[in-house]
Amino acid sequence: MGVAAGPIRVVVAKPGLDGHDRGAKVIARALRDAGMEVIYTGLHQTPEQIVDTAIQEDADAIGLSILSGAHNTLFAAVIRLLKERDAEDIKVFGGGIIPEADIPPLKEMGVAEIFTPGATTASIVDWVRANVRQPAEA
């Protein structure tokens, strides 16, 4: 992707059938308030819709919020689709109700970071700033 101009662009998505989006909205607002451009996709998104949005919006990262227990399947689908679409430069991170034992396999498949309940918005903003491309300097 190279060094893009402008703020970091993050797609925040709620994949699957999970209908609880308060956490995703809090994270989206925190990232926006930190100067990032945030595209919130809304509830019940398929992995295909999420990847399509990220590519169309020229996103630097995808943040997935999953509370339904389908994290292994949904994260894997997003990672696979990014590879198929030659968009592996889009970093994937996520959070929600994810058991500690599931985090290492998720990271092995390509998820850059997992935030569990109790993670602060400041820690998530700091991680995105440190690990997703930096805006080009003016």
C-alpha atoms as a PDB file:
ATOM      1  CA  MET A   1       0.000   0.000   0.000  1.00  0.00           C
ATOM      2  CA  GLY A   2       2.884   2.380   0.660  1.00  0.00           C
ATOM      3  CA  VAL A   3       2.544   5.505   2.716  1.00  0.00           C
ATOM      4  CA  ALA A   4      -0.888   6.955   2.130  1.00  0.00           C
ATOM      5  CA  ALA A   5      -1.844  10.532   2.785  1.00  0.00           C
ATOM      6  CA  GLY A   6      -4.430  11.464   5.357  1.00  0.00           C
ATOM      7  CA  PRO A   7      -5.609   9.862   8.535  1.00  0.00           C
ATOM      8  CA  ILE A   8      -5.644   6.147   9.263  1.00  0.00           C
ATOM      9  CA  ARG A   9      -8.838   4.590   7.874  1.00  0.00           C
ATOM     10  CA  VAL A  10     -10.501   1.823   9.894  1.00  0.00           C
ATOM     11  CA  VAL A  11     -13.570  -0.250   9.054  1.00  0.00           C
ATOM     12  CA  VAL A  12     -15.339  -1.284  12.264  1.00  0.00           C
ATOM     13  CA  ALA A  13     -17.634  -4.239  11.658  1.00  0.00           C
ATOM     14  CA  LYS A  14     -20.051  -6.555  13.436  1.00  0.00           C
ATOM     15  CA  PRO A  15     -19.933  -9.844  11.539  1.00  0.00           C
ATOM     16  CA  GLY A  16     -22.460 -12.611  11.873  1.00  0.00           C
ATOM     17  CA  LEU A  17     -25.704 -12.752  13.784  1.00  0.00           C
ATOM     18  CA  ASP A  18     -24.555 -10.949  16.918  1.00  0.00           C
ATOM     19  CA  GLY A  19     -26.935  -8.067  17.609  1.00  0.00           C
ATOM     20  CA  HIS A  20     -24.987  -6.265  20.323  1.00  0.00           C
ATOM     21  CA  ASP A  21     -23.116  -3.287  18.927  1.00  0.00           C
ATOM     22  CA  ARG A  22     -22.507  -0.934  21.855  1.00  0.00           C
ATOM     23  CA  GLY A  23     -18.836  -1.923  22.140  1.00  0.00           C
ATOM     24  CA  ALA A  24     -18.248  -1.520  18.412  1.00  0.00           C
ATOM     25  CA  LYS A  25     -19.818   1.937  18.500  1.00  0.00           C
ATOM     26  CA  VAL A  26     -17.683   2.949  21.494  1.00  0.00           C
ATOM     27  CA  ILE A  27     -14.517   1.830  19.684  1.00  0.00           C
ATOM     28  CA  ALA A  28     -15.597   3.542  16.458  1.00  0.00           C
ATOM     29  CA  ARG A  29     -16.152   6.797  18.337  1.00  0.00           C
ATOM     30  CA  ALA A  30     -12.819   6.522  20.196  1.00  0.00           C
ATOM     31  CA  LEU A  31     -10.920   5.971  16.941  1.00  0.00           C
ATOM     32  CA  ARG A  32     -12.777   8.858  15.299  1.00  0.00           C
ATOM     33  CA  ASP A  33     -12.097  11.151  18.256  1.00  0.00           C
ATOM     34  CA  ALA A  34      -8.409  10.208  17.940  1.00  0.00           C
ATOM     35  CA  GLY A  35      -8.392  11.620  14.401  1.00  0.00           C
ATOM     36  CA  MET A  36      -8.921   8.464  12.384  1.00  0.00           C
ATOM     37  CA  GLU A  37     -11.489   8.009   9.648  1.00  0.00           C
ATOM     38  CA  VAL A  38     -13.930   5.313  10.707  1.00  0.00           C
ATOM     39  CA  ILE A  39     -16.409   3.463   8.551  1.00  0.00           C
ATOM     40  CA  TYR A  40     -18.919   1.597  10.740  1.00  0.00           C
ATOM     41  CA  THR A  41     -20.684  -1.111   8.752  1.00  0.00           C
ATOM     42  CA  GLY A  42     -23.542  -1.818  11.154  1.00  0.00           C
ATOM     43  CA  LEU A  43     -24.920  -5.127  12.360  1.00  0.00           C
ATOM     44  CA  HIS A  44     -25.114  -8.533  10.681  1.00  0.00           C
ATOM     45  CA  GLN A  45     -22.356  -8.118   8.113  1.00  0.00           C
ATOM     46  CA  THR A  46     -20.978 -11.073   6.193  1.00  0.00           C
ATOM     47  CA  PRO A  47     -17.217 -11.473   5.874  1.00  0.00           C
ATOM     48  CA  GLU A  48     -17.635 -10.719   2.153  1.00  0.00           C
ATOM     49  CA  GLN A  49     -19.421  -7.445   2.872  1.00  0.00           C
ATOM     50  CA  ILE A  50     -16.755  -6.430   5.372  1.00  0.00           C
ATOM     51  CA  VAL A  51     -13.857  -7.146   3.009  1.00  0.00           C
ATOM     52  CA  ASP A  52     -15.660  -5.438   0.109  1.00  0.00           C
ATOM     53  CA  THR A  53     -16.200  -2.336   2.263  1.00  0.00           C
ATOM     54  CA  ALA A  54     -12.571  -2.285   3.423  1.00  0.00           C
ATOM     55  CA  ILE A  55     -11.275  -2.502  -0.140  1.00  0.00           C
ATOM     56  CA  GLN A  56     -13.757   0.035  -1.522  1.00  0.00           C
ATOM     57  CA  GLU A  57     -12.978   2.480   1.286  1.00  0.00           C
ATOM     58  CA  ASP A  58      -9.201   1.996   0.947  1.00  0.00           C
ATOM     59  CA  ALA A  59      -9.060   1.031   4.621  1.00  0.00           C
ATOM     60  CA  ASP A  60      -5.821   0.487   6.474  1.00  0.00           C
ATOM     61  CA  ALA A  61      -7.419  -1.814   9.042  1.00  0.00           C
ATOM     62  CA  ILE A  62     -10.540  -3.786   9.904  1.00  0.00           C
ATOM     63  CA  GLY A  63     -11.713  -3.939  13.509  1.00  0.00           C
ATOM     64  CA  LEU A  64     -14.100  -6.812  14.168  1.00  0.00           C
ATOM     65  CA  SER A  65     -16.343  -6.974  17.216  1.00  0.00           C
ATOM     66  CA  ILE A  66     -17.655 -10.449  18.001  1.00  0.00           C
ATOM     67  CA  LEU A  67     -19.675 -11.498  21.029  1.00  0.00           C
ATOM     68  CA  SER A  68     -21.480 -14.474  19.493  1.00  0.00           C
ATOM     69  CA  GLY A  69     -18.790 -17.133  19.917  1.00  0.00           C
ATOM     70  CA  ALA A  70     -18.270 -17.427  16.145  1.00  0.00           C
ATOM     71  CA  HIS A  71     -14.917 -15.625  16.255  1.00  0.00           C
ATOM     72  CA  ASN A  72     -12.833 -18.538  14.934  1.00  0.00           C
ATOM     73  CA  THR A  73     -15.018 -18.936  11.852  1.00  0.00           C
ATOM     74  CA  LEU A  74     -15.605 -15.241  11.156  1.00  0.00           C
ATOM     75  CA  PHE A  75     -12.025 -14.051  11.660  1.00  0.00           C
ATOM     76  CA  ALA A  76     -10.788 -16.911   9.458  1.00  0.00           C
ATOM     77  CA  ALA A  77     -13.229 -15.972   6.690  1.00  0.00           C
ATOM     78  CA  VAL A  78     -12.156 -12.309   6.716  1.00  0.00           C
ATOM     79  CA  ILE A  79      -8.450 -13.231   6.652  1.00  0.00           C
ATOM     80  CA  ARG A  80      -9.027 -15.742   3.822  1.00  0.00           C
ATOM     81  CA  LEU A  81     -10.997 -13.220   1.748  1.00  0.00           C
ATOM     82  CA  LEU A  82      -8.334 -10.542   2.194  1.00  0.00           C
ATOM     83  CA  LYS A  83      -5.728 -13.010   0.902  1.00  0.00           C
ATOM     84  CA  GLU A  84      -7.925 -13.998  -2.042  1.00  0.00           C
ATOM     85  CA  ARG A  85      -8.441 -10.330  -2.953  1.00  0.00           C
ATOM     86  CA  ASP A  86      -4.715  -9.454  -2.619  1.00  0.00           C
ATOM     87  CA  ALA A  87      -5.543  -7.114   0.255  1.00  0.00           C
ATOM     88  CA  GLU A  88      -3.379  -8.631   2.972  1.00  0.00           C
ATOM     89  CA  ASP A  89      -1.964  -5.187   3.710  1.00  0.00           C
ATOM     90  CA  ILE A  90      -5.237  -4.401   5.508  1.00  0.00           C
ATOM     91  CA  LYS A  91      -4.580  -5.258   9.161  1.00  0.00           C
ATOM     92  CA  VAL A  92      -7.279  -7.137  11.060  1.00  0.00           C
ATOM     93  CA  PHE A  93      -7.801  -6.677  14.777  1.00  0.00           C
ATOM     94  CA  GLY A  94     -10.748  -7.466  16.953  1.00  0.00           C
ATOM     95  CA  GLY A  95     -12.344  -7.793  20.268  1.00  0.00           C
ATOM     96  CA  GLY A  96     -15.255  -9.148  22.194  1.00  0.00           C
ATOM     97  CA  ILE A  97     -15.934 -12.260  24.177  1.00  0.00           C
ATOM     98  CA  ILE A  98     -12.994 -14.349  23.034  1.00  0.00           C
ATOM     99  CA  PRO A  99     -11.534 -17.032  25.311  1.00  0.00           C
ATOM    100  CA  GLU A 100      -7.825 -16.652  26.087  1.00  0.00           C
ATOM    101  CA  ALA A 101      -7.171 -20.123  24.618  1.00  0.00           C
ATOM    102  CA  ASP A 102      -8.505 -18.972  21.227  1.00  0.00           C
ATOM    103  CA  ILE A 103      -6.238 -15.920  20.954  1.00  0.00           C
ATOM    104  CA  PRO A 104      -2.960 -17.645  19.918  1.00  0.00           C
ATOM    105  CA  PRO A 105      -4.611 -19.571  17.038  1.00  0.00           C
ATOM    106  CA  LEU A 106      -6.327 -16.374  15.857  1.00  0.00           C
ATOM    107  CA  LYS A 107      -2.996 -14.564  15.824  1.00  0.00           C
ATOM    108  CA  GLU A 108      -1.367 -17.476  13.981  1.00  0.00           C
ATOM    109  CA  MET A 109      -3.994 -17.184  11.237  1.00  0.00           C
ATOM    110  CA  GLY A 110      -3.172 -13.499  10.794  1.00  0.00           C
ATOM    111  CA  VAL A 111      -5.265 -11.498  13.255  1.00  0.00           C
ATOM    112  CA  ALA A 112      -2.920  -8.732  14.385  1.00  0.00           C
ATOM    113  CA  GLU A 113      -4.394  -8.160  17.854  1.00  0.00           C
ATOM    114  CA  ILE A 114      -7.298  -9.212  20.064  1.00  0.00           C
ATOM    115  CA  PHE A 115      -8.798  -6.979  22.753  1.00  0.00           C
ATOM    116  CA  THR A 116     -10.844  -8.690  25.439  1.00  0.00           C
ATOM    117  CA  PRO A 117     -13.342  -7.152  27.866  1.00  0.00           C
ATOM    118  CA  GLY A 118     -11.642  -4.586  30.053  1.00  0.00           C
ATOM    119  CA  ALA A 119      -9.379  -3.225  27.314  1.00  0.00           C
ATOM    120  CA  THR A 120      -9.478   0.548  27.408  1.00  0.00           C
ATOM    121  CA  THR A 121     -10.325   2.663  24.408  1.00  0.00           C
ATOM    122  CA  ALA A 122      -6.982   4.430  24.940  1.00  0.00           C
ATOM    123  CA  SER A 123      -5.093   1.128  24.651  1.00  0.00           C
ATOM    124  CA  ILE A 124      -6.912   0.292  21.414  1.00  0.00           C
ATOM    125  CA  VAL A 125      -6.267   3.747  19.939  1.00  0.00           C
ATOM    126  CA  ASP A 126      -2.600   3.496  20.951  1.00  0.00           C
ATOM    127  CA  TRP A 127      -2.299   0.045  19.374  1.00  0.00           C
ATOM    128  CA  VAL A 128      -3.837   1.212  16.090  1.00  0.00           C
ATOM    129  CA  ARG A 129      -1.536   4.236  15.978  1.00  0.00           C
ATOM    130  CA  ALA A 130       1.530   2.068  16.649  1.00  0.00           C
ATOM    131  CA  ASN A 131       0.660  -0.863  14.386  1.00  0.00           C
ATOM    132  CA  VAL A 132      -1.327   0.477  11.447  1.00  0.00           C
ATOM    133  CA  ARG A 133       0.302   2.714   8.840  1.00  0.00           C
ATOM    134  CA  GLN A 134       1.205   6.180   9.890  1.00  0.00           C
ATOM    135  CA  PRO A 135      -0.255   9.094   7.946  1.00  0.00           C
ATOM    136  CA  ALA A 136       2.138  10.775   5.548  1.00  0.00           C
ATOM    137  CA  GLU A 137       3.720  13.887   6.956  1.00  0.00           C
ATOM    138  CA  ALA A 138       2.693  17.158   5.393  1.00  0.00           C
END
